Amino acid sequence: MENIFTANIKSILKKHFGKTADDIFEKSQLIQYINEKTRSANKGSKARSSFANLYSIYVIIEDYIAKGYDKKGDYSNYEGALFNKPFTKQS
């Protein structure tokens, strides 16, 4: 589903992944979820769904990057974020 933010998401993917951007967009469940959750972002507050889930994803990814797993490339060794830190940050 295309929405106002779909072009932004695709632009970011193209910048980082070039020719494979469209394939990544189509096959990534996480990106599809983000695309779906942002469809009502430009509408009034009553039309918007909760963005807490998106912020939770952001906080977990931020923790993952802060611990260097984006460079190490071995996700299986990521011990995860402690629940209370991301939860406190999103509140």
C-alpha atoms as a PDB file:
ATOM      1  CA  MET A   1       0.000   0.000   0.000  1.00  0.00           C
ATOM      2  CA  GLU A   2       1.340   3.389  -0.968  1.00  0.00           C
ATOM      3  CA  ASN A   3       0.983   6.356   1.362  1.00  0.00           C
ATOM      4  CA  ILE A   4       2.551   9.778   1.832  1.00  0.00           C
ATOM      5  CA  PHE A   5       5.616   8.294   3.561  1.00  0.00           C
ATOM      6  CA  THR A   6       6.169   5.418   1.115  1.00  0.00           C
ATOM      7  CA  ALA A   7       8.231   7.666  -1.159  1.00  0.00           C
ATOM      8  CA  ASN A   8      10.414   8.701   1.799  1.00  0.00           C
ATOM      9  CA  ILE A   9      10.951   5.104   2.854  1.00  0.00           C
ATOM     10  CA  LYS A  10      11.853   4.083  -0.701  1.00  0.00           C
ATOM     11  CA  SER A  11      14.183   7.069  -1.069  1.00  0.00           C
ATOM     12  CA  ILE A  12      16.092   6.103   2.093  1.00  0.00           C
ATOM     13  CA  LEU A  13      16.344   2.499   0.916  1.00  0.00           C
ATOM     14  CA  LYS A  14      17.572   3.599  -2.524  1.00  0.00           C
ATOM     15  CA  LYS A  15      20.232   5.827  -0.903  1.00  0.00           C
ATOM     16  CA  HIS A  16      21.572   2.975   1.220  1.00  0.00           C
ATOM     17  CA  PHE A  17      20.930  -0.072  -0.981  1.00  0.00           C
ATOM     18  CA  GLY A  18      20.810   1.206  -4.563  1.00  0.00           C
ATOM     19  CA  LYS A  19      19.411  -1.275  -7.065  1.00  0.00           C
ATOM     20  CA  THR A  20      18.206  -3.703  -4.401  1.00  0.00           C
ATOM     21  CA  ALA A  21      16.027  -1.079  -2.656  1.00  0.00           C
ATOM     22  CA  ASP A  22      12.745  -2.150  -4.280  1.00  0.00           C
ATOM     23  CA  ASP A  23      13.395  -5.800  -3.489  1.00  0.00           C
ATOM     24  CA  ILE A  24      14.171  -4.944   0.138  1.00  0.00           C
ATOM     25  CA  PHE A  25      11.000  -2.835   0.369  1.00  0.00           C
ATOM     26  CA  GLU A  26       8.852  -5.680  -0.943  1.00  0.00           C
ATOM     27  CA  LYS A  27      10.413  -8.469   1.135  1.00  0.00           C
ATOM     28  CA  SER A  28      11.038  -6.815   4.501  1.00  0.00           C
ATOM     29  CA  GLN A  29       8.167  -7.419   6.902  1.00  0.00           C
ATOM     30  CA  LEU A  30       9.517  -4.755   9.236  1.00  0.00           C
ATOM     31  CA  ILE A  31       9.586  -2.130   6.482  1.00  0.00           C
ATOM     32  CA  GLN A  32       6.090  -3.161   5.381  1.00  0.00           C
ATOM     33  CA  TYR A  33       4.908  -2.741   8.990  1.00  0.00           C
ATOM     34  CA  ILE A  34       6.490   0.723   9.236  1.00  0.00           C
ATOM     35  CA  ASN A  35       4.959   1.694   5.898  1.00  0.00           C
ATOM     36  CA  GLU A  36       1.520   0.544   7.049  1.00  0.00           C
ATOM     37  CA  LYS A  37       1.745   2.268  10.447  1.00  0.00           C
ATOM     38  CA  THR A  38       2.730   5.610   8.884  1.00  0.00           C
ATOM     39  CA  ARG A  39      -0.225   5.775   6.470  1.00  0.00           C
ATOM     40  CA  SER A  40      -2.297   7.930   8.844  1.00  0.00           C
ATOM     41  CA  ALA A  41       0.542  10.162  10.057  1.00  0.00           C
ATOM     42  CA  ASN A  42      -0.507  13.153   7.998  1.00  0.00           C
ATOM     43  CA  LYS A  43      -4.152  12.979   9.085  1.00  0.00           C
ATOM     44  CA  GLY A  44      -5.793  14.412  12.172  1.00  0.00           C
ATOM     45  CA  SER A  45      -4.995  13.044  15.603  1.00  0.00           C
ATOM     46  CA  LYS A  46      -8.226  11.029  15.748  1.00  0.00           C
ATOM     47  CA  ALA A  47      -7.307   9.189  12.548  1.00  0.00           C
ATOM     48  CA  ARG A  48      -3.794   8.290  13.681  1.00  0.00           C
ATOM     49  CA  SER A  49      -3.067   4.905  15.106  1.00  0.00           C
ATOM     50  CA  SER A  50      -0.753   4.642  18.045  1.00  0.00           C
ATOM     51  CA  PHE A  51       2.834   5.345  17.121  1.00  0.00           C
ATOM     52  CA  ALA A  52       4.174   3.784  20.338  1.00  0.00           C
ATOM     53  CA  ASN A  53       4.986   0.571  18.455  1.00  0.00           C
ATOM     54  CA  LEU A  54       7.054   2.512  15.930  1.00  0.00           C
ATOM     55  CA  TYR A  55       8.934   4.257  18.702  1.00  0.00           C
ATOM     56  CA  SER A  56       9.584   0.910  20.381  1.00  0.00           C
ATOM     57  CA  ILE A  57      11.117  -0.379  17.147  1.00  0.00           C
ATOM     58  CA  TYR A  58      13.224   2.783  16.937  1.00  0.00           C
ATOM     59  CA  VAL A  59      14.517   2.373  20.504  1.00  0.00           C
ATOM     60  CA  ILE A  60      15.441  -1.281  19.949  1.00  0.00           C
ATOM     61  CA  ILE A  61      17.258  -0.479  16.695  1.00  0.00           C
ATOM     62  CA  GLU A  62      19.021   2.430  18.399  1.00  0.00           C
ATOM     63  CA  ASP A  63      20.239   0.036  21.125  1.00  0.00           C
ATOM     64  CA  TYR A  64      21.338  -2.511  18.504  1.00  0.00           C
ATOM     65  CA  ILE A  65      23.394   0.160  16.699  1.00  0.00           C
ATOM     66  CA  ALA A  66      24.793   1.622  19.941  1.00  0.00           C
ATOM     67  CA  LYS A  67      26.175  -1.813  20.800  1.00  0.00           C
ATOM     68  CA  GLY A  68      27.815  -2.050  17.363  1.00  0.00           C
ATOM     69  CA  TYR A  69      25.850  -4.972  15.972  1.00  0.00           C
ATOM     70  CA  ASP A  70      25.167  -3.086  12.766  1.00  0.00           C
ATOM     71  CA  LYS A  71      28.916  -3.308  12.066  1.00  0.00           C
ATOM     72  CA  LYS A  72      29.556  -6.775  13.518  1.00  0.00           C
ATOM     73  CA  GLY A  73      26.857  -8.324  11.372  1.00  0.00           C
ATOM     74  CA  ASP A  74      26.173 -11.175  13.786  1.00  0.00           C
ATOM     75  CA  TYR A  75      22.619 -10.628  14.975  1.00  0.00           C
ATOM     76  CA  SER A  76      22.547 -14.050  16.672  1.00  0.00           C
ATOM     77  CA  ASN A  77      24.889 -12.703  19.376  1.00  0.00           C
ATOM     78  CA  TYR A  78      22.703  -9.665  20.165  1.00  0.00           C
ATOM     79  CA  GLU A  79      21.483 -10.151  23.713  1.00  0.00           C
ATOM     80  CA  GLY A  80      18.647  -7.683  23.241  1.00  0.00           C
ATOM     81  CA  ALA A  81      17.693  -4.545  25.080  1.00  0.00           C
ATOM     82  CA  LEU A  82      16.566  -4.590  28.678  1.00  0.00           C
ATOM     83  CA  PHE A  83      12.824  -3.955  28.663  1.00  0.00           C
ATOM     84  CA  ASN A  84      12.846  -1.140  31.208  1.00  0.00           C
ATOM     85  CA  LYS A  85      15.307   1.064  29.276  1.00  0.00           C
ATOM     86  CA  PRO A  86      13.362   1.154  25.978  1.00  0.00           C
ATOM     87  CA  PHE A  87      10.054   1.386  27.837  1.00  0.00           C
ATOM     88  CA  THR A  88      11.265   4.349  29.904  1.00  0.00           C
ATOM     89  CA  LYS A  89      12.626   6.048  26.801  1.00  0.00           C
ATOM     90  CA  GLN A  90       9.352   5.758  24.884  1.00  0.00           C
ATOM     91  CA  SER A  91       7.193   7.069  27.720  1.00  0.00           C
END
